[in-house]
Amino acid sequence: MDWILGGDVSNNIVNGVEGMSAEWFTTVLRDAGALPAGRVDHAELEPFGGGVMTSMVRAKLSYADAGAGPASLLVKYPSDDEGNRGIAQLMGLYELEVRFYRDVAPRLPRLSIPRCHFAEVEEQTGSFTLVLEDCSANTKPGTLLSTLSVDECAAALGELANFQAPLWNSPVLTEIAWLKDPTRTLGIFDAIPAGLEPFLARFGNALDPDHVRMFEAVLPLAGKWVRSWREPTVLQHGEFRSGNILLGTTADAPAVTMIDFQTVRIGIPGVDPAYFMGGSMPVDDRRKMERDVVRDYHARLLSAGVKGFSWDDCWKSYREGAMYGVYLLVGMAGQVEASERNDRVILGLTQQLASMAMDLDAPKAAGLL
């Protein structure tokens, strides 16, 4: 992976499309080394996803000299919603993604992610801008409601191995000040128990009673669990799910490209693979395929140079990691705006993730019960 981040050009941060002129793109691409000569003549902007906490547009670019630079780019910037923007700033989501691209991504040579041309954040105001490669010509996004095949799940966890292996138990993780600071992670998990009551008030009547009993037993222990994490430690994506990957659609595209790094942290290996498997397919499908997919993931870790992590170690970490989806969903979903679609999605994911935690006896693997 080649990296062409620009230098100190924080004055080029934009908070909306009004700042994305042809001149702005010219400056960004020149500073990144992606426009050796010429200039951007015109930028045509169109909305392009972005999620709840961010906004994003696709910029179709034309040049004074045709083909001088990228035909299109994606620009990511703060949400237009003041409340969402405030939450994102409070949780440091914008800062984390910018710092990931600047400080961590260059250390992951085999990882397939969009090339980053510009990454800057103003910590005091929360303003940030990312200018990313547009991969849409040869990929398709996964979605929260999509069910993945065995091959797609294996490819996703194979890419996760490329994300984890280079910094597996590495002192580099603790040399990056913002990454080693546990304040954000502890704050999130310490707040999770307060989410149980509103979650059950909203969804309790539609839940399996066995699931409710598990939630009531483990939610108060969220802070205890995160403080129990021990080596081996890895870089965690934190929201590794089907909606945060791109699936290749052409022979020359990577099978899976990882995106959205607003929740990166240091933690145990099993969190990301378990959250991905539990949230990416119906319960019966996950039960049929998970051992094969996790064995393939383990083999890829070993082939990438990870040592001292046996199959038994891997499976135990995966079982323990199944707690993460329960904590994340039950602890926070009560805050999601109520709607027929949102409630349907939340209930479906709750059933999948809770069934996974019970199938794998995750509370016992995590030392909670």
Protein backbone atom coordinates (compact mmCIF):
# COMPACT_ATOMS: atom_id res chain seq x y z
CA MET A 1 0.00 0.00 0.00
CA ASP A 2 1.40 3.40 -0.98
CA TRP A 3 0.68 6.35 1.29
CA ILE A 4 0.55 9.91 0.04
CA LEU A 5 -0.74 11.95 2.95
CA GLY A 6 -0.07 15.63 2.67
CA GLY A 7 1.92 17.72 5.13
CA ASP A 8 0.71 20.33 7.60
CA VAL A 9 -2.24 21.76 5.69
CA SER A 10 -4.77 22.02 8.54
CA ASN A 11 -6.00 25.31 7.12
CA ASN A 12 -7.49 23.21 4.33
CA ILE A 13 -10.03 21.54 6.64
CA VAL A 14 -13.56 22.01 5.30
CA ASN A 15 -16.86 21.66 7.13
CA GLY A 16 -19.13 21.48 4.12
CA VAL A 17 -19.33 21.41 0.35
CA GLU A 18 -18.97 25.17 0.12
CA GLY A 19 -15.26 24.80 0.82
CA MET A 20 -14.65 22.11 -1.80
CA SER A 21 -13.67 24.21 -4.79
CA ALA A 22 -11.52 23.16 -7.71
CA GLU A 23 -8.72 25.21 -6.15
CA TRP A 24 -9.10 23.34 -2.85
CA PHE A 25 -8.84 19.94 -4.56
CA THR A 26 -5.83 21.17 -6.51
CA THR A 27 -4.05 22.17 -3.29
CA VAL A 28 -4.91 18.93 -1.49
CA LEU A 29 -3.77 16.71 -4.37
CA ARG A 30 -0.58 18.69 -4.98
CA ASP A 31 0.38 18.55 -1.30
CA ALA A 32 -0.30 14.80 -1.31
CA GLY A 33 1.86 14.25 -4.39
CA ALA A 34 -1.12 12.97 -6.36
CA LEU A 35 -1.15 15.83 -8.86
CA PRO A 36 2.41 16.31 -10.09
CA ALA A 37 1.39 18.88 -12.69
CA GLY A 38 -1.67 20.79 -13.83
CA ARG A 39 -4.75 21.63 -11.80
CA VAL A 40 -8.32 20.58 -11.12
CA ASP A 41 -10.61 22.43 -13.51
CA HIS A 42 -13.96 21.43 -12.06
CA ALA A 43 -15.37 19.42 -9.15
CA GLU A 44 -18.87 17.98 -9.35
CA LEU A 45 -20.13 17.00 -5.88
CA GLU A 46 -22.83 14.50 -4.96
CA PRO A 47 -23.92 13.02 -1.60
CA PHE A 48 -22.40 9.64 -0.82
CA GLY A 49 -23.54 7.94 2.38
CA GLY A 50 -21.57 9.03 5.42
CA GLY A 51 -23.55 7.42 8.23
CA VAL A 52 -25.00 9.05 11.34
CA MET A 53 -21.94 10.82 12.71
CA THR A 54 -20.36 12.02 9.48
CA SER A 55 -21.21 13.49 6.10
CA MET A 56 -19.60 12.40 2.85
CA VAL A 57 -19.63 13.44 -0.78
CA ARG A 58 -18.16 12.05 -3.96
CA ALA A 59 -16.22 14.58 -6.00
CA LYS A 60 -15.97 13.89 -9.73
CA LEU A 61 -12.93 15.78 -10.91
CA SER A 62 -11.88 17.10 -14.30
CA TYR A 63 -8.43 18.50 -15.05
CA ALA A 64 -6.87 21.07 -17.32
CA ASP A 65 -4.79 18.15 -18.59
CA ALA A 66 -7.13 15.15 -18.89
CA GLY A 67 -6.22 12.28 -16.58
CA ALA A 68 -3.71 14.30 -14.54
CA GLY A 69 -5.11 13.01 -11.24
CA PRO A 70 -7.82 10.79 -9.72
CA ALA A 71 -11.11 10.81 -11.60
CA SER A 72 -13.05 10.95 -8.34
CA LEU A 73 -12.53 11.17 -4.59
CA LEU A 74 -14.59 10.80 -1.44
CA VAL A 75 -14.55 13.63 1.11
CA LYS A 76 -15.61 12.89 4.68
CA TYR A 77 -16.40 15.69 7.14
CA PRO A 78 -18.51 16.34 10.28
CA SER A 79 -22.21 15.59 10.46
CA ASP A 80 -24.57 18.46 9.68
CA ASP A 81 -26.59 17.52 12.76
CA GLU A 82 -25.37 19.52 15.76
CA GLY A 83 -26.30 16.79 18.26
CA ASN A 84 -24.56 14.01 16.36
CA ARG A 85 -21.55 16.22 15.80
CA GLY A 86 -21.35 16.94 19.54
CA ILE A 87 -21.52 13.24 20.43
CA ALA A 88 -18.83 12.43 17.87
CA GLN A 89 -16.56 15.13 19.27
CA LEU A 90 -17.18 14.02 22.86
CA MET A 91 -16.25 10.43 21.96
CA GLY A 92 -13.30 11.52 19.84
CA LEU A 93 -14.59 9.67 16.77
CA TYR A 94 -13.32 12.19 14.22
CA GLU A 95 -9.92 12.43 15.86
CA LEU A 96 -9.55 8.65 16.04
CA GLU A 97 -10.17 8.12 12.33
CA VAL A 98 -7.83 10.92 11.27
CA ARG A 99 -5.10 9.67 13.58
CA PHE A 100 -5.60 6.12 12.36
CA TYR A 101 -4.89 7.17 8.78
CA ARG A 102 -1.94 9.33 9.79
CA ASP A 103 -0.24 7.27 12.50
CA VAL A 104 -1.32 3.64 12.15
CA ALA A 105 -2.33 2.82 8.58
CA PRO A 106 1.22 3.26 7.19
CA ARG A 107 2.30 0.47 9.59
CA LEU A 108 -0.15 -2.03 8.07
CA PRO A 109 1.46 -2.81 4.69
CA ARG A 110 -0.86 -5.63 3.58
CA LEU A 111 -4.14 -4.07 4.65
CA SER A 112 -6.64 -3.16 1.95
CA ILE A 113 -8.16 0.24 2.76
CA PRO A 114 -8.90 3.31 0.65
CA ARG A 115 -5.83 5.42 -0.06
CA CYS A 116 -5.86 8.57 2.04
CA HIS A 117 -4.83 11.83 0.39
CA PHE A 118 -5.62 14.21 3.24
CA ALA A 119 -6.36 13.70 6.95
CA GLU A 120 -6.60 16.59 9.38
CA VAL A 121 -8.55 17.37 12.55
CA GLU A 122 -8.87 20.41 14.80
CA GLU A 123 -9.12 18.87 18.26
CA GLN A 124 -10.65 21.94 19.93
CA THR A 125 -13.51 22.39 17.48
CA GLY A 126 -13.90 18.80 16.26
CA SER A 127 -13.66 19.87 12.64
CA PHE A 128 -12.03 17.28 10.43
CA THR A 129 -11.58 16.37 6.78
CA LEU A 130 -10.60 13.11 5.13
CA VAL A 131 -10.00 12.88 1.40
CA LEU A 132 -10.09 9.24 0.38
CA GLU A 133 -9.75 7.11 -2.71
CA ASP A 134 -13.09 6.37 -4.37
CA CYS A 135 -13.26 2.56 -4.58
CA SER A 136 -16.86 2.39 -5.78
CA ALA A 137 -16.01 1.47 -9.38
CA ASN A 138 -14.91 -2.05 -8.41
CA THR A 139 -16.50 -2.67 -5.02
CA LYS A 140 -19.92 -2.82 -3.43
CA PRO A 141 -20.67 -1.91 0.18
CA GLY A 142 -21.81 -4.47 2.66
CA THR A 143 -24.93 -3.51 4.57
CA LEU A 144 -26.23 -4.01 8.06
CA LEU A 145 -28.97 -6.26 6.74
CA SER A 146 -26.91 -8.29 4.26
CA THR A 147 -26.15 -11.96 4.87
CA LEU A 148 -22.65 -12.96 3.81
CA SER A 149 -21.49 -16.26 2.34
CA VAL A 150 -18.81 -18.47 3.86
CA ASP A 151 -16.29 -17.20 1.32
CA GLU A 152 -17.15 -13.56 2.02
CA CYS A 153 -16.85 -14.09 5.78
CA ALA A 154 -13.52 -15.87 5.32
CA ALA A 155 -12.27 -13.03 3.12
CA ALA A 156 -13.36 -10.46 5.70
CA LEU A 157 -11.61 -12.23 8.56
CA GLY A 158 -8.60 -12.74 6.32
CA GLU A 159 -8.41 -8.99 5.88
CA LEU A 160 -8.84 -8.63 9.63
CA ALA A 161 -5.72 -10.78 10.01
CA ASN A 162 -3.88 -8.25 7.84
CA PHE A 163 -5.15 -5.55 10.22
CA GLN A 164 -4.14 -7.35 13.42
CA ALA A 165 -0.98 -9.30 12.63
CA PRO A 166 1.56 -6.51 11.93
CA LEU A 167 1.06 -4.95 15.40
CA TRP A 168 0.22 -8.14 17.30
CA ASN A 169 1.38 -7.64 20.91
CA SER A 170 3.66 -4.94 19.55
CA PRO A 171 5.27 -2.25 21.72
CA VAL A 172 4.38 0.14 18.90
CA LEU A 173 0.79 0.11 20.17
CA THR A 174 1.88 1.63 23.45
CA GLU A 175 4.24 4.11 21.82
CA ILE A 176 1.35 5.93 20.09
CA ALA A 177 0.08 8.20 22.87
CA TRP A 178 -3.52 8.65 21.71
CA LEU A 179 -3.90 4.92 21.08
CA LYS A 180 -2.54 3.66 24.41
CA ASP A 181 -4.70 6.08 26.43
CA PRO A 182 -7.56 3.92 27.81
CA THR A 183 -9.77 6.85 28.84
CA ARG A 184 -12.19 6.63 25.90
CA THR A 185 -12.55 2.87 26.09
CA LEU A 186 -13.10 2.81 29.84
CA GLY A 187 -15.61 5.65 29.59
CA ILE A 188 -17.65 3.78 26.97
CA PHE A 189 -17.77 0.51 28.93
CA ASP A 190 -18.41 2.23 32.26
CA ALA A 191 -21.46 3.89 30.69
CA ILE A 192 -22.89 0.65 29.29
CA PRO A 193 -24.74 -0.56 32.45
CA ALA A 194 -26.90 2.57 32.40
CA GLY A 195 -28.22 1.50 29.00
CA LEU A 196 -29.83 -1.70 30.26
CA GLU A 197 -32.98 -0.21 31.78
CA PRO A 198 -33.98 1.94 28.78
CA PHE A 199 -33.17 -0.94 26.43
CA LEU A 200 -35.42 -3.36 28.31
CA ALA A 201 -38.16 -0.76 28.68
CA ARG A 202 -38.22 -0.35 24.91
CA PHE A 203 -37.56 -3.90 23.70
CA GLY A 204 -37.99 -6.23 26.68
CA ASN A 205 -41.43 -7.56 25.77
CA ALA A 206 -40.13 -8.76 22.39
CA LEU A 207 -37.00 -10.49 23.73
CA ASP A 208 -36.26 -14.09 24.64
CA PRO A 209 -36.46 -14.35 28.47
CA ASP A 210 -33.16 -16.27 28.54
CA HIS A 211 -31.50 -13.41 26.71
CA VAL A 212 -32.95 -10.88 29.15
CA ARG A 213 -31.58 -12.85 32.10
CA MET A 214 -28.15 -12.87 30.51
CA PHE A 215 -28.31 -9.11 29.87
CA GLU A 216 -29.27 -8.47 33.48
CA ALA A 217 -26.35 -10.60 34.68
CA VAL A 218 -23.58 -9.27 32.45
CA LEU A 219 -24.39 -5.61 31.70
CA PRO A 220 -23.39 -4.42 35.19
CA LEU A 221 -19.99 -6.09 34.64
CA ALA A 222 -18.99 -4.20 31.48
CA GLY A 223 -16.32 -2.13 33.19
CA LYS A 224 -14.93 -5.20 34.93
CA TRP A 225 -14.66 -7.03 31.62
CA VAL A 226 -12.73 -4.36 29.73
CA ARG A 227 -10.33 -3.98 32.66
CA SER A 228 -9.67 -7.73 32.57
CA TRP A 229 -8.26 -7.70 29.03
CA ARG A 230 -4.75 -9.15 28.95
CA GLU A 231 -2.17 -10.08 26.32
CA PRO A 232 -2.08 -10.77 23.52
CA THR A 233 -3.29 -7.32 22.58
CA VAL A 234 -4.02 -6.12 19.08
CA LEU A 235 -5.38 -3.16 17.25
CA GLN A 236 -9.18 -3.39 17.39
CA HIS A 237 -11.40 -1.90 14.72
CA GLY A 238 -14.22 -1.68 17.26
CA GLU A 239 -17.08 -1.82 14.76
CA PHE A 240 -16.00 -4.52 12.36
CA ARG A 241 -19.22 -5.61 10.68
CA SER A 242 -20.63 -6.22 7.22
CA GLY A 243 -21.62 -2.56 6.90
CA ASN A 244 -18.00 -1.45 7.34
CA ILE A 245 -16.43 -3.41 4.52
CA LEU A 246 -16.41 -3.12 0.74
CA LEU A 247 -16.67 -6.33 -1.27
CA GLY A 248 -14.68 -6.55 -4.50
CA THR A 249 -16.75 -6.87 -7.70
CA THR A 250 -13.98 -7.21 -10.30
CA ALA A 251 -11.00 -9.52 -10.67
CA ASP A 252 -8.52 -6.71 -9.99
CA ALA A 253 -10.22 -5.53 -6.77
CA PRO A 254 -9.31 -6.81 -3.29
CA ALA A 255 -11.87 -9.31 -2.05
CA VAL A 256 -12.49 -7.08 0.98
CA THR A 257 -11.58 -3.48 1.73
CA MET A 258 -11.93 -2.22 5.32
CA ILE A 259 -13.42 1.21 6.01
CA ASP A 260 -14.55 3.44 8.92
CA PHE A 261 -11.96 3.63 11.69
CA GLN A 262 -13.68 5.87 14.23
CA THR A 263 -13.54 3.34 17.09
CA VAL A 264 -9.99 1.95 16.92
CA ARG A 265 -8.45 0.92 20.23
CA ILE A 266 -6.09 -1.61 21.82
CA GLY A 267 -7.74 -4.82 23.04
CA ILE A 268 -8.05 -8.58 22.82
CA PRO A 269 -8.03 -10.33 19.42
CA GLY A 270 -11.42 -12.06 19.57
CA VAL A 271 -13.63 -8.96 19.70
CA ASP A 272 -13.57 -8.05 16.02
CA PRO A 273 -13.99 -11.54 14.50
CA ALA A 274 -16.80 -12.42 16.93
CA TYR A 275 -18.68 -9.16 16.38
CA PHE A 276 -18.37 -9.62 12.63
CA MET A 277 -19.66 -13.19 12.64
CA GLY A 278 -22.46 -12.53 15.10
CA GLY A 279 -23.72 -9.47 13.29
CA SER A 280 -23.32 -10.56 9.67
CA MET A 281 -25.65 -13.53 9.30
CA PRO A 282 -28.65 -15.33 10.78
CA VAL A 283 -28.05 -17.55 13.78
CA ASP A 284 -28.32 -20.89 11.96
CA ASP A 285 -25.92 -19.80 9.21
CA ARG A 286 -23.40 -18.56 11.75
CA ARG A 287 -23.58 -21.83 13.69
CA LYS A 288 -22.86 -23.86 10.56
CA MET A 289 -19.88 -21.88 9.32
CA GLU A 290 -18.16 -20.21 12.26
CA ARG A 291 -15.62 -22.89 13.22
CA ASP A 292 -14.42 -23.23 9.63
CA VAL A 293 -14.19 -19.47 9.16
CA VAL A 294 -12.43 -18.91 12.49
CA ARG A 295 -9.98 -21.74 11.75
CA ASP A 296 -9.14 -20.05 8.46
CA TYR A 297 -8.66 -16.72 10.28
CA HIS A 298 -6.32 -18.42 12.77
CA ALA A 299 -4.31 -19.99 9.95
CA ARG A 300 -3.95 -16.60 8.29
CA LEU A 301 -2.67 -15.07 11.52
CA LEU A 302 -0.02 -17.77 11.79
CA SER A 303 0.99 -17.38 8.15
CA ALA A 304 1.36 -13.64 8.77
CA GLY A 305 3.90 -14.32 11.50
CA VAL A 306 1.83 -14.40 14.70
CA LYS A 307 3.43 -16.74 17.25
CA GLY A 308 2.32 -18.21 20.56
CA PHE A 309 -1.39 -18.11 19.69
CA SER A 310 -2.71 -21.66 19.48
CA TRP A 311 -6.04 -22.74 18.05
CA ASP A 312 -7.35 -23.17 21.61
CA ASP A 313 -6.18 -19.62 22.41
CA CYS A 314 -7.92 -18.33 19.29
CA TRP A 315 -11.20 -20.10 19.96
CA LYS A 316 -11.28 -18.93 23.60
CA SER A 317 -10.62 -15.33 22.54
CA TYR A 318 -13.36 -15.62 19.93
CA ARG A 319 -15.80 -16.99 22.53
CA GLU A 320 -14.91 -14.19 24.92
CA GLY A 321 -15.19 -11.65 22.11
CA ALA A 322 -18.85 -12.60 21.66
CA MET A 323 -19.54 -10.49 24.76
CA TYR A 324 -18.72 -7.35 22.80
CA GLY A 325 -21.80 -7.37 20.58
CA VAL A 326 -24.05 -7.83 23.60
CA TYR A 327 -22.45 -4.93 25.43
CA LEU A 328 -22.42 -2.65 22.41
CA LEU A 329 -25.99 -3.29 21.34
CA VAL A 330 -27.80 -3.57 24.66
CA GLY A 331 -25.77 -0.79 26.26
CA MET A 332 -26.30 1.73 23.49
CA ALA A 333 -29.21 0.79 21.23
CA GLY A 334 -31.76 2.31 23.58
CA GLN A 335 -30.43 5.71 22.47
CA VAL A 336 -31.17 5.06 18.78
CA GLU A 337 -34.18 6.94 17.43
CA ALA A 338 -37.32 4.82 17.55
CA SER A 339 -38.80 3.82 14.19
CA GLU A 340 -40.26 0.68 12.69
CA ARG A 341 -37.09 -0.04 10.72
CA ASN A 342 -34.67 0.82 13.52
CA ASP A 343 -36.55 -1.30 16.03
CA ARG A 344 -36.70 -4.24 13.62
CA VAL A 345 -32.97 -4.05 12.94
CA ILE A 346 -32.10 -3.73 16.64
CA LEU A 347 -34.26 -6.69 17.63
CA GLY A 348 -32.83 -8.84 14.86
CA LEU A 349 -29.24 -8.04 15.81
CA THR A 350 -29.99 -8.51 19.50
CA GLN A 351 -31.29 -12.00 18.80
CA GLN A 352 -28.25 -12.87 16.69
CA LEU A 353 -25.66 -11.53 19.12
CA ALA A 354 -27.32 -12.84 22.27
CA SER A 355 -27.75 -16.29 20.73
CA MET A 356 -24.09 -16.28 19.80
CA ALA A 357 -23.01 -15.33 23.33
CA MET A 358 -25.13 -18.12 24.78
CA ASP A 359 -24.05 -20.70 22.19
CA LEU A 360 -20.40 -20.01 22.99
CA ASP A 361 -20.92 -19.56 26.76
CA ALA A 362 -19.22 -16.19 26.30
CA PRO A 363 -19.81 -14.94 29.88
CA LYS A 364 -17.87 -17.93 31.23
CA ALA A 365 -15.10 -17.52 28.66
CA ALA A 366 -14.82 -13.87 29.71
CA GLY A 367 -14.63 -14.79 33.37
CA LEU A 368 -17.83 -12.94 34.22
CA LEU A 369 -20.11 -15.77 35.38
